[in-house]
Amino acid sequence: MLVDLRKGSVALVSPWSAVLSDQELRLLYVPPGLAFGMYTLADNCSCFIKWDMAYHPQIRGVIRFDDPDLNIPWPLAGEPIISERDTKAITFKEFIKIKGSSVV
């Protein structure tokens, strides 16, 4: 799931999704300024992420997957299993306060 956070974008805060599988062997490019999250449809899943710069965890932001302001239509079937990092995620409004005017 992708959410466009780029200031002035025509797709601002509009969720978009794609299904990736080992059968189709497709990649997903996420340009700067977009938030992304993953929901697995299989019990055993691997995801490989390539950054366009050195990875700096201190500048990363984590937005709640169920934030009501984003209203993302996750295809949830039951209670989701959430990573420890994501349980500490902040709301979209908190994210904007921290990140400032570089987004939205």
N, C-alpha and C. Protein backbone atom coordinates (compact mmCIF):
# COMPACT_ATOMS: atom_id res chain seq x y z
N MET A 1 0.85 -1.16 0.00
CA MET A 1 0.00 0.00 0.00
C MET A 1 0.90 1.23 0.00
N LEU A 2 0.60 2.17 -0.86
CA LEU A 2 1.35 3.41 -0.94
C LEU A 2 0.41 4.58 -0.64
N VAL A 3 0.97 5.60 0.03
CA VAL A 3 0.22 6.84 0.28
C VAL A 3 1.14 7.99 -0.10
N ASP A 4 0.65 8.83 -0.99
CA ASP A 4 1.43 9.98 -1.47
C ASP A 4 1.41 11.09 -0.43
N LEU A 5 2.59 11.50 0.04
CA LEU A 5 2.71 12.55 1.05
C LEU A 5 3.38 13.80 0.50
N ARG A 6 3.57 13.86 -0.81
CA ARG A 6 4.28 15.00 -1.41
C ARG A 6 3.40 16.24 -1.45
N LYS A 7 3.93 17.32 -0.91
CA LYS A 7 3.20 18.59 -0.88
C LYS A 7 2.83 19.01 -2.30
N GLY A 8 1.57 19.33 -2.52
CA GLY A 8 1.11 19.79 -3.82
C GLY A 8 0.77 18.68 -4.80
N SER A 9 0.92 17.43 -4.42
CA SER A 9 0.64 16.32 -5.33
C SER A 9 -0.86 16.20 -5.60
N VAL A 10 -1.22 15.85 -6.85
CA VAL A 10 -2.63 15.64 -7.18
C VAL A 10 -3.16 14.36 -6.52
N ALA A 11 -2.26 13.46 -6.13
CA ALA A 11 -2.67 12.21 -5.48
C ALA A 11 -2.46 12.27 -3.97
N LEU A 12 -2.35 13.46 -3.42
CA LEU A 12 -2.05 13.65 -2.00
C LEU A 12 -2.96 12.81 -1.11
N VAL A 13 -2.33 12.03 -0.27
CA VAL A 13 -2.99 11.18 0.72
C VAL A 13 -4.01 10.23 0.08
N SER A 14 -3.79 9.84 -1.15
CA SER A 14 -4.65 8.87 -1.82
C SER A 14 -3.97 7.51 -1.80
N PRO A 15 -4.53 6.53 -1.07
CA PRO A 15 -3.91 5.20 -1.02
C PRO A 15 -3.95 4.50 -2.37
N TRP A 16 -2.92 3.72 -2.64
CA TRP A 16 -2.82 2.93 -3.87
C TRP A 16 -2.18 1.60 -3.49
N SER A 17 -2.62 0.52 -4.08
CA SER A 17 -2.06 -0.78 -3.72
C SER A 17 -1.74 -1.61 -4.95
N ALA A 18 -0.90 -2.61 -4.73
CA ALA A 18 -0.52 -3.57 -5.76
C ALA A 18 -0.29 -4.91 -5.09
N VAL A 19 -0.59 -5.98 -5.80
CA VAL A 19 -0.32 -7.32 -5.29
C VAL A 19 0.93 -7.83 -6.00
N LEU A 20 1.94 -8.19 -5.21
CA LEU A 20 3.18 -8.75 -5.75
C LEU A 20 3.24 -10.22 -5.37
N SER A 21 3.72 -11.05 -6.28
CA SER A 21 3.80 -12.48 -5.98
C SER A 21 5.07 -13.09 -6.57
N ASP A 22 5.43 -14.26 -6.07
CA ASP A 22 6.60 -14.95 -6.61
C ASP A 22 6.32 -15.55 -7.99
N GLN A 23 5.07 -15.55 -8.39
CA GLN A 23 4.70 -16.06 -9.71
C GLN A 23 4.94 -15.05 -10.82
N GLU A 24 4.74 -13.78 -10.54
CA GLU A 24 4.85 -12.73 -11.56
C GLU A 24 6.21 -12.04 -11.58
N LEU A 25 6.95 -12.14 -10.49
CA LEU A 25 8.30 -11.57 -10.39
C LEU A 25 8.35 -10.09 -10.77
N ARG A 26 7.44 -9.30 -10.21
CA ARG A 26 7.42 -7.86 -10.45
C ARG A 26 8.08 -7.14 -9.27
N LEU A 27 8.55 -5.93 -9.55
CA LEU A 27 9.12 -5.07 -8.52
C LEU A 27 8.21 -3.87 -8.35
N LEU A 28 8.33 -3.21 -7.20
CA LEU A 28 7.56 -2.00 -6.96
C LEU A 28 8.54 -0.89 -6.63
N TYR A 29 8.49 0.19 -7.42
CA TYR A 29 9.33 1.36 -7.17
C TYR A 29 8.52 2.35 -6.36
N VAL A 30 9.07 2.80 -5.24
CA VAL A 30 8.41 3.79 -4.39
C VAL A 30 9.27 5.05 -4.41
N PRO A 31 8.81 6.10 -5.10
CA PRO A 31 9.60 7.33 -5.17
C PRO A 31 9.63 8.06 -3.83
N PRO A 32 10.61 8.95 -3.66
CA PRO A 32 10.66 9.74 -2.43
C PRO A 32 9.36 10.52 -2.23
N GLY A 33 8.94 10.60 -0.97
CA GLY A 33 7.72 11.34 -0.65
C GLY A 33 6.49 10.47 -0.52
N LEU A 34 6.63 9.18 -0.74
CA LEU A 34 5.51 8.26 -0.58
C LEU A 34 5.77 7.39 0.64
N ALA A 35 4.72 7.15 1.41
CA ALA A 35 4.80 6.21 2.51
C ALA A 35 4.37 4.85 1.97
N PHE A 36 4.95 3.79 2.50
CA PHE A 36 4.52 2.48 2.04
C PHE A 36 4.39 1.53 3.22
N GLY A 37 3.48 0.60 3.06
CA GLY A 37 3.27 -0.43 4.06
C GLY A 37 2.97 -1.73 3.35
N MET A 38 3.14 -2.82 4.07
CA MET A 38 2.95 -4.14 3.46
C MET A 38 1.96 -4.96 4.26
N TYR A 39 1.20 -5.73 3.55
CA TYR A 39 0.26 -6.68 4.12
C TYR A 39 0.50 -7.98 3.37
N THR A 40 0.86 -9.03 4.08
CA THR A 40 1.16 -10.28 3.39
C THR A 40 -0.10 -11.14 3.26
N LEU A 41 -0.19 -11.81 2.13
CA LEU A 41 -1.31 -12.71 1.87
C LEU A 41 -0.91 -14.16 2.07
N ALA A 42 0.34 -14.40 2.48
CA ALA A 42 0.85 -15.74 2.71
C ALA A 42 1.50 -15.81 4.08
N ASP A 43 1.58 -17.03 4.63
CA ASP A 43 2.19 -17.20 5.95
C ASP A 43 3.70 -16.98 5.94
N ASN A 44 4.35 -17.25 4.83
CA ASN A 44 5.81 -17.14 4.75
C ASN A 44 6.14 -16.16 3.63
N CYS A 45 6.61 -14.98 4.00
CA CYS A 45 6.82 -13.92 3.02
C CYS A 45 8.15 -13.24 3.27
N SER A 46 8.84 -12.87 2.19
CA SER A 46 10.09 -12.11 2.29
C SER A 46 9.94 -10.84 1.48
N CYS A 47 10.54 -9.78 1.99
CA CYS A 47 10.52 -8.51 1.29
C CYS A 47 11.93 -7.95 1.31
N PHE A 48 12.41 -7.54 0.17
CA PHE A 48 13.74 -6.94 0.05
C PHE A 48 13.57 -5.49 -0.36
N ILE A 49 14.19 -4.59 0.39
CA ILE A 49 14.05 -3.16 0.13
C ILE A 49 15.41 -2.58 -0.23
N LYS A 50 15.46 -1.82 -1.31
CA LYS A 50 16.69 -1.14 -1.74
C LYS A 50 16.45 0.35 -1.63
N TRP A 51 17.26 1.03 -0.86
CA TRP A 51 17.16 2.47 -0.68
C TRP A 51 18.04 3.18 -1.69
N ASP A 52 17.70 4.42 -2.02
CA ASP A 52 18.51 5.18 -2.98
C ASP A 52 19.59 6.00 -2.28
N MET A 53 19.73 5.80 -0.97
CA MET A 53 20.77 6.49 -0.20
C MET A 53 21.10 5.62 1.01
N ALA A 54 22.08 6.02 1.78
CA ALA A 54 22.42 5.28 2.98
C ALA A 54 21.21 5.25 3.92
N TYR A 55 21.01 4.13 4.56
CA TYR A 55 19.87 3.97 5.46
C TYR A 55 20.16 4.64 6.81
N HIS A 56 19.26 5.50 7.23
CA HIS A 56 19.38 6.20 8.50
C HIS A 56 18.07 5.99 9.28
N PRO A 57 18.01 5.01 10.17
CA PRO A 57 16.75 4.72 10.86
C PRO A 57 16.21 5.89 11.68
N GLN A 58 17.08 6.79 12.11
CA GLN A 58 16.61 7.92 12.93
C GLN A 58 15.77 8.92 12.14
N ILE A 59 15.85 8.91 10.81
CA ILE A 59 15.03 9.85 10.02
C ILE A 59 13.76 9.20 9.47
N ARG A 60 13.61 7.91 9.71
CA ARG A 60 12.41 7.21 9.26
C ARG A 60 11.21 7.60 10.11
N GLY A 61 10.07 7.59 9.50
CA GLY A 61 8.84 7.81 10.24
C GLY A 61 7.93 6.61 10.05
N VAL A 62 7.15 6.31 11.06
CA VAL A 62 6.22 5.19 10.97
C VAL A 62 4.83 5.70 11.33
N ILE A 63 3.93 5.63 10.36
CA ILE A 63 2.56 6.09 10.54
C ILE A 63 1.67 4.88 10.82
N ARG A 64 0.72 5.05 11.71
CA ARG A 64 -0.20 3.95 12.06
C ARG A 64 -0.90 3.42 10.80
N PHE A 65 -0.93 2.12 10.68
CA PHE A 65 -1.56 1.51 9.51
C PHE A 65 -3.07 1.75 9.49
N ASP A 66 -3.66 1.94 10.67
CA ASP A 66 -5.11 2.10 10.76
C ASP A 66 -5.51 3.55 11.06
N ASP A 67 -4.68 4.49 10.66
CA ASP A 67 -4.96 5.90 10.94
C ASP A 67 -6.27 6.30 10.24
N PRO A 68 -7.22 6.85 11.00
CA PRO A 68 -8.51 7.21 10.40
C PRO A 68 -8.43 8.35 9.38
N ASP A 69 -7.42 9.21 9.49
CA ASP A 69 -7.29 10.29 8.51
C ASP A 69 -6.85 9.77 7.15
N LEU A 70 -6.12 8.67 7.12
CA LEU A 70 -5.69 8.09 5.84
C LEU A 70 -6.74 7.13 5.29
N ASN A 71 -7.48 6.48 6.18
CA ASN A 71 -8.57 5.59 5.77
C ASN A 71 -8.12 4.58 4.70
N ILE A 72 -7.05 3.88 4.97
CA ILE A 72 -6.51 2.91 4.02
C ILE A 72 -7.35 1.64 4.03
N PRO A 73 -7.80 1.17 2.87
CA PRO A 73 -8.64 -0.02 2.80
C PRO A 73 -7.84 -1.33 2.84
N TRP A 74 -7.24 -1.64 3.98
CA TRP A 74 -6.47 -2.88 4.11
C TRP A 74 -7.41 -4.07 3.97
N PRO A 75 -6.99 -5.13 3.27
CA PRO A 75 -7.85 -6.31 3.11
C PRO A 75 -7.72 -7.25 4.32
N LEU A 76 -8.05 -6.76 5.50
CA LEU A 76 -7.86 -7.54 6.72
C LEU A 76 -8.91 -8.62 6.87
N ALA A 77 -8.43 -9.80 7.20
CA ALA A 77 -9.31 -10.93 7.49
C ALA A 77 -8.94 -11.40 8.90
N GLY A 78 -9.51 -10.76 9.89
CA GLY A 78 -9.17 -11.09 11.27
C GLY A 78 -8.22 -10.07 11.86
N GLU A 79 -7.72 -10.36 13.03
CA GLU A 79 -6.83 -9.46 13.75
C GLU A 79 -5.43 -9.49 13.12
N PRO A 80 -4.89 -8.33 12.71
CA PRO A 80 -3.56 -8.33 12.08
C PRO A 80 -2.43 -8.58 13.08
N ILE A 81 -1.35 -9.14 12.59
CA ILE A 81 -0.13 -9.30 13.37
C ILE A 81 0.75 -8.11 13.02
N ILE A 82 1.10 -7.31 14.01
CA ILE A 82 1.82 -6.06 13.78
C ILE A 82 3.21 -6.16 14.40
N SER A 83 4.22 -5.70 13.67
CA SER A 83 5.59 -5.73 14.18
C SER A 83 5.72 -4.83 15.41
N GLU A 84 6.74 -5.09 16.22
CA GLU A 84 6.98 -4.27 17.41
C GLU A 84 7.18 -2.80 17.03
N ARG A 85 7.94 -2.57 15.96
CA ARG A 85 8.18 -1.21 15.49
C ARG A 85 6.88 -0.52 15.13
N ASP A 86 6.00 -1.23 14.45
CA ASP A 86 4.74 -0.63 14.00
C ASP A 86 3.74 -0.42 15.13
N THR A 87 3.87 -1.15 16.23
CA THR A 87 2.99 -0.90 17.38
C THR A 87 3.28 0.46 18.01
N LYS A 88 4.45 1.02 17.73
CA LYS A 88 4.84 2.33 18.26
C LYS A 88 4.62 3.45 17.24
N ALA A 89 3.93 3.15 16.15
CA ALA A 89 3.70 4.13 15.09
C ALA A 89 2.85 5.28 15.59
N ILE A 90 3.01 6.42 14.93
CA ILE A 90 2.27 7.63 15.29
C ILE A 90 1.18 7.90 14.26
N THR A 91 0.30 8.80 14.60
CA THR A 91 -0.78 9.15 13.66
C THR A 91 -0.22 10.00 12.52
N PHE A 92 -1.00 10.12 11.47
CA PHE A 92 -0.61 10.95 10.33
C PHE A 92 -0.42 12.40 10.77
N LYS A 93 -1.33 12.92 11.59
CA LYS A 93 -1.22 14.30 12.06
C LYS A 93 0.05 14.51 12.88
N GLU A 94 0.42 13.53 13.73
CA GLU A 94 1.65 13.63 14.50
C GLU A 94 2.87 13.60 13.57
N PHE A 95 2.80 12.75 12.56
CA PHE A 95 3.89 12.65 11.58
C PHE A 95 4.13 14.00 10.90
N ILE A 96 3.06 14.67 10.49
CA ILE A 96 3.17 15.97 9.83
C ILE A 96 3.77 17.02 10.76
N LYS A 97 3.37 16.99 12.03
CA LYS A 97 3.94 17.94 13.00
C LYS A 97 5.45 17.75 13.14
N ILE A 98 5.89 16.49 13.15
CA ILE A 98 7.32 16.19 13.32
C ILE A 98 8.10 16.51 12.04
N LYS A 99 7.58 16.10 10.90
CA LYS A 99 8.29 16.25 9.62
C LYS A 99 8.19 17.66 9.05
N GLY A 100 7.21 18.41 9.48
CA GLY A 100 7.08 19.79 9.01
C GLY A 100 6.50 19.89 7.62
N SER A 101 6.82 20.96 6.93
CA SER A 101 6.21 21.27 5.64
C SER A 101 6.85 20.56 4.46
N SER A 102 7.80 19.64 4.71
CA SER A 102 8.40 18.92 3.59
C SER A 102 7.40 17.95 2.97
N VAL A 103 6.37 17.62 3.73
CA VAL A 103 5.28 16.78 3.20
C VAL A 103 3.98 17.51 3.49
N VAL A 104 2.99 17.19 2.73
CA VAL A 104 1.63 17.74 2.85
C VAL A 104 1.58 19.20 3.08
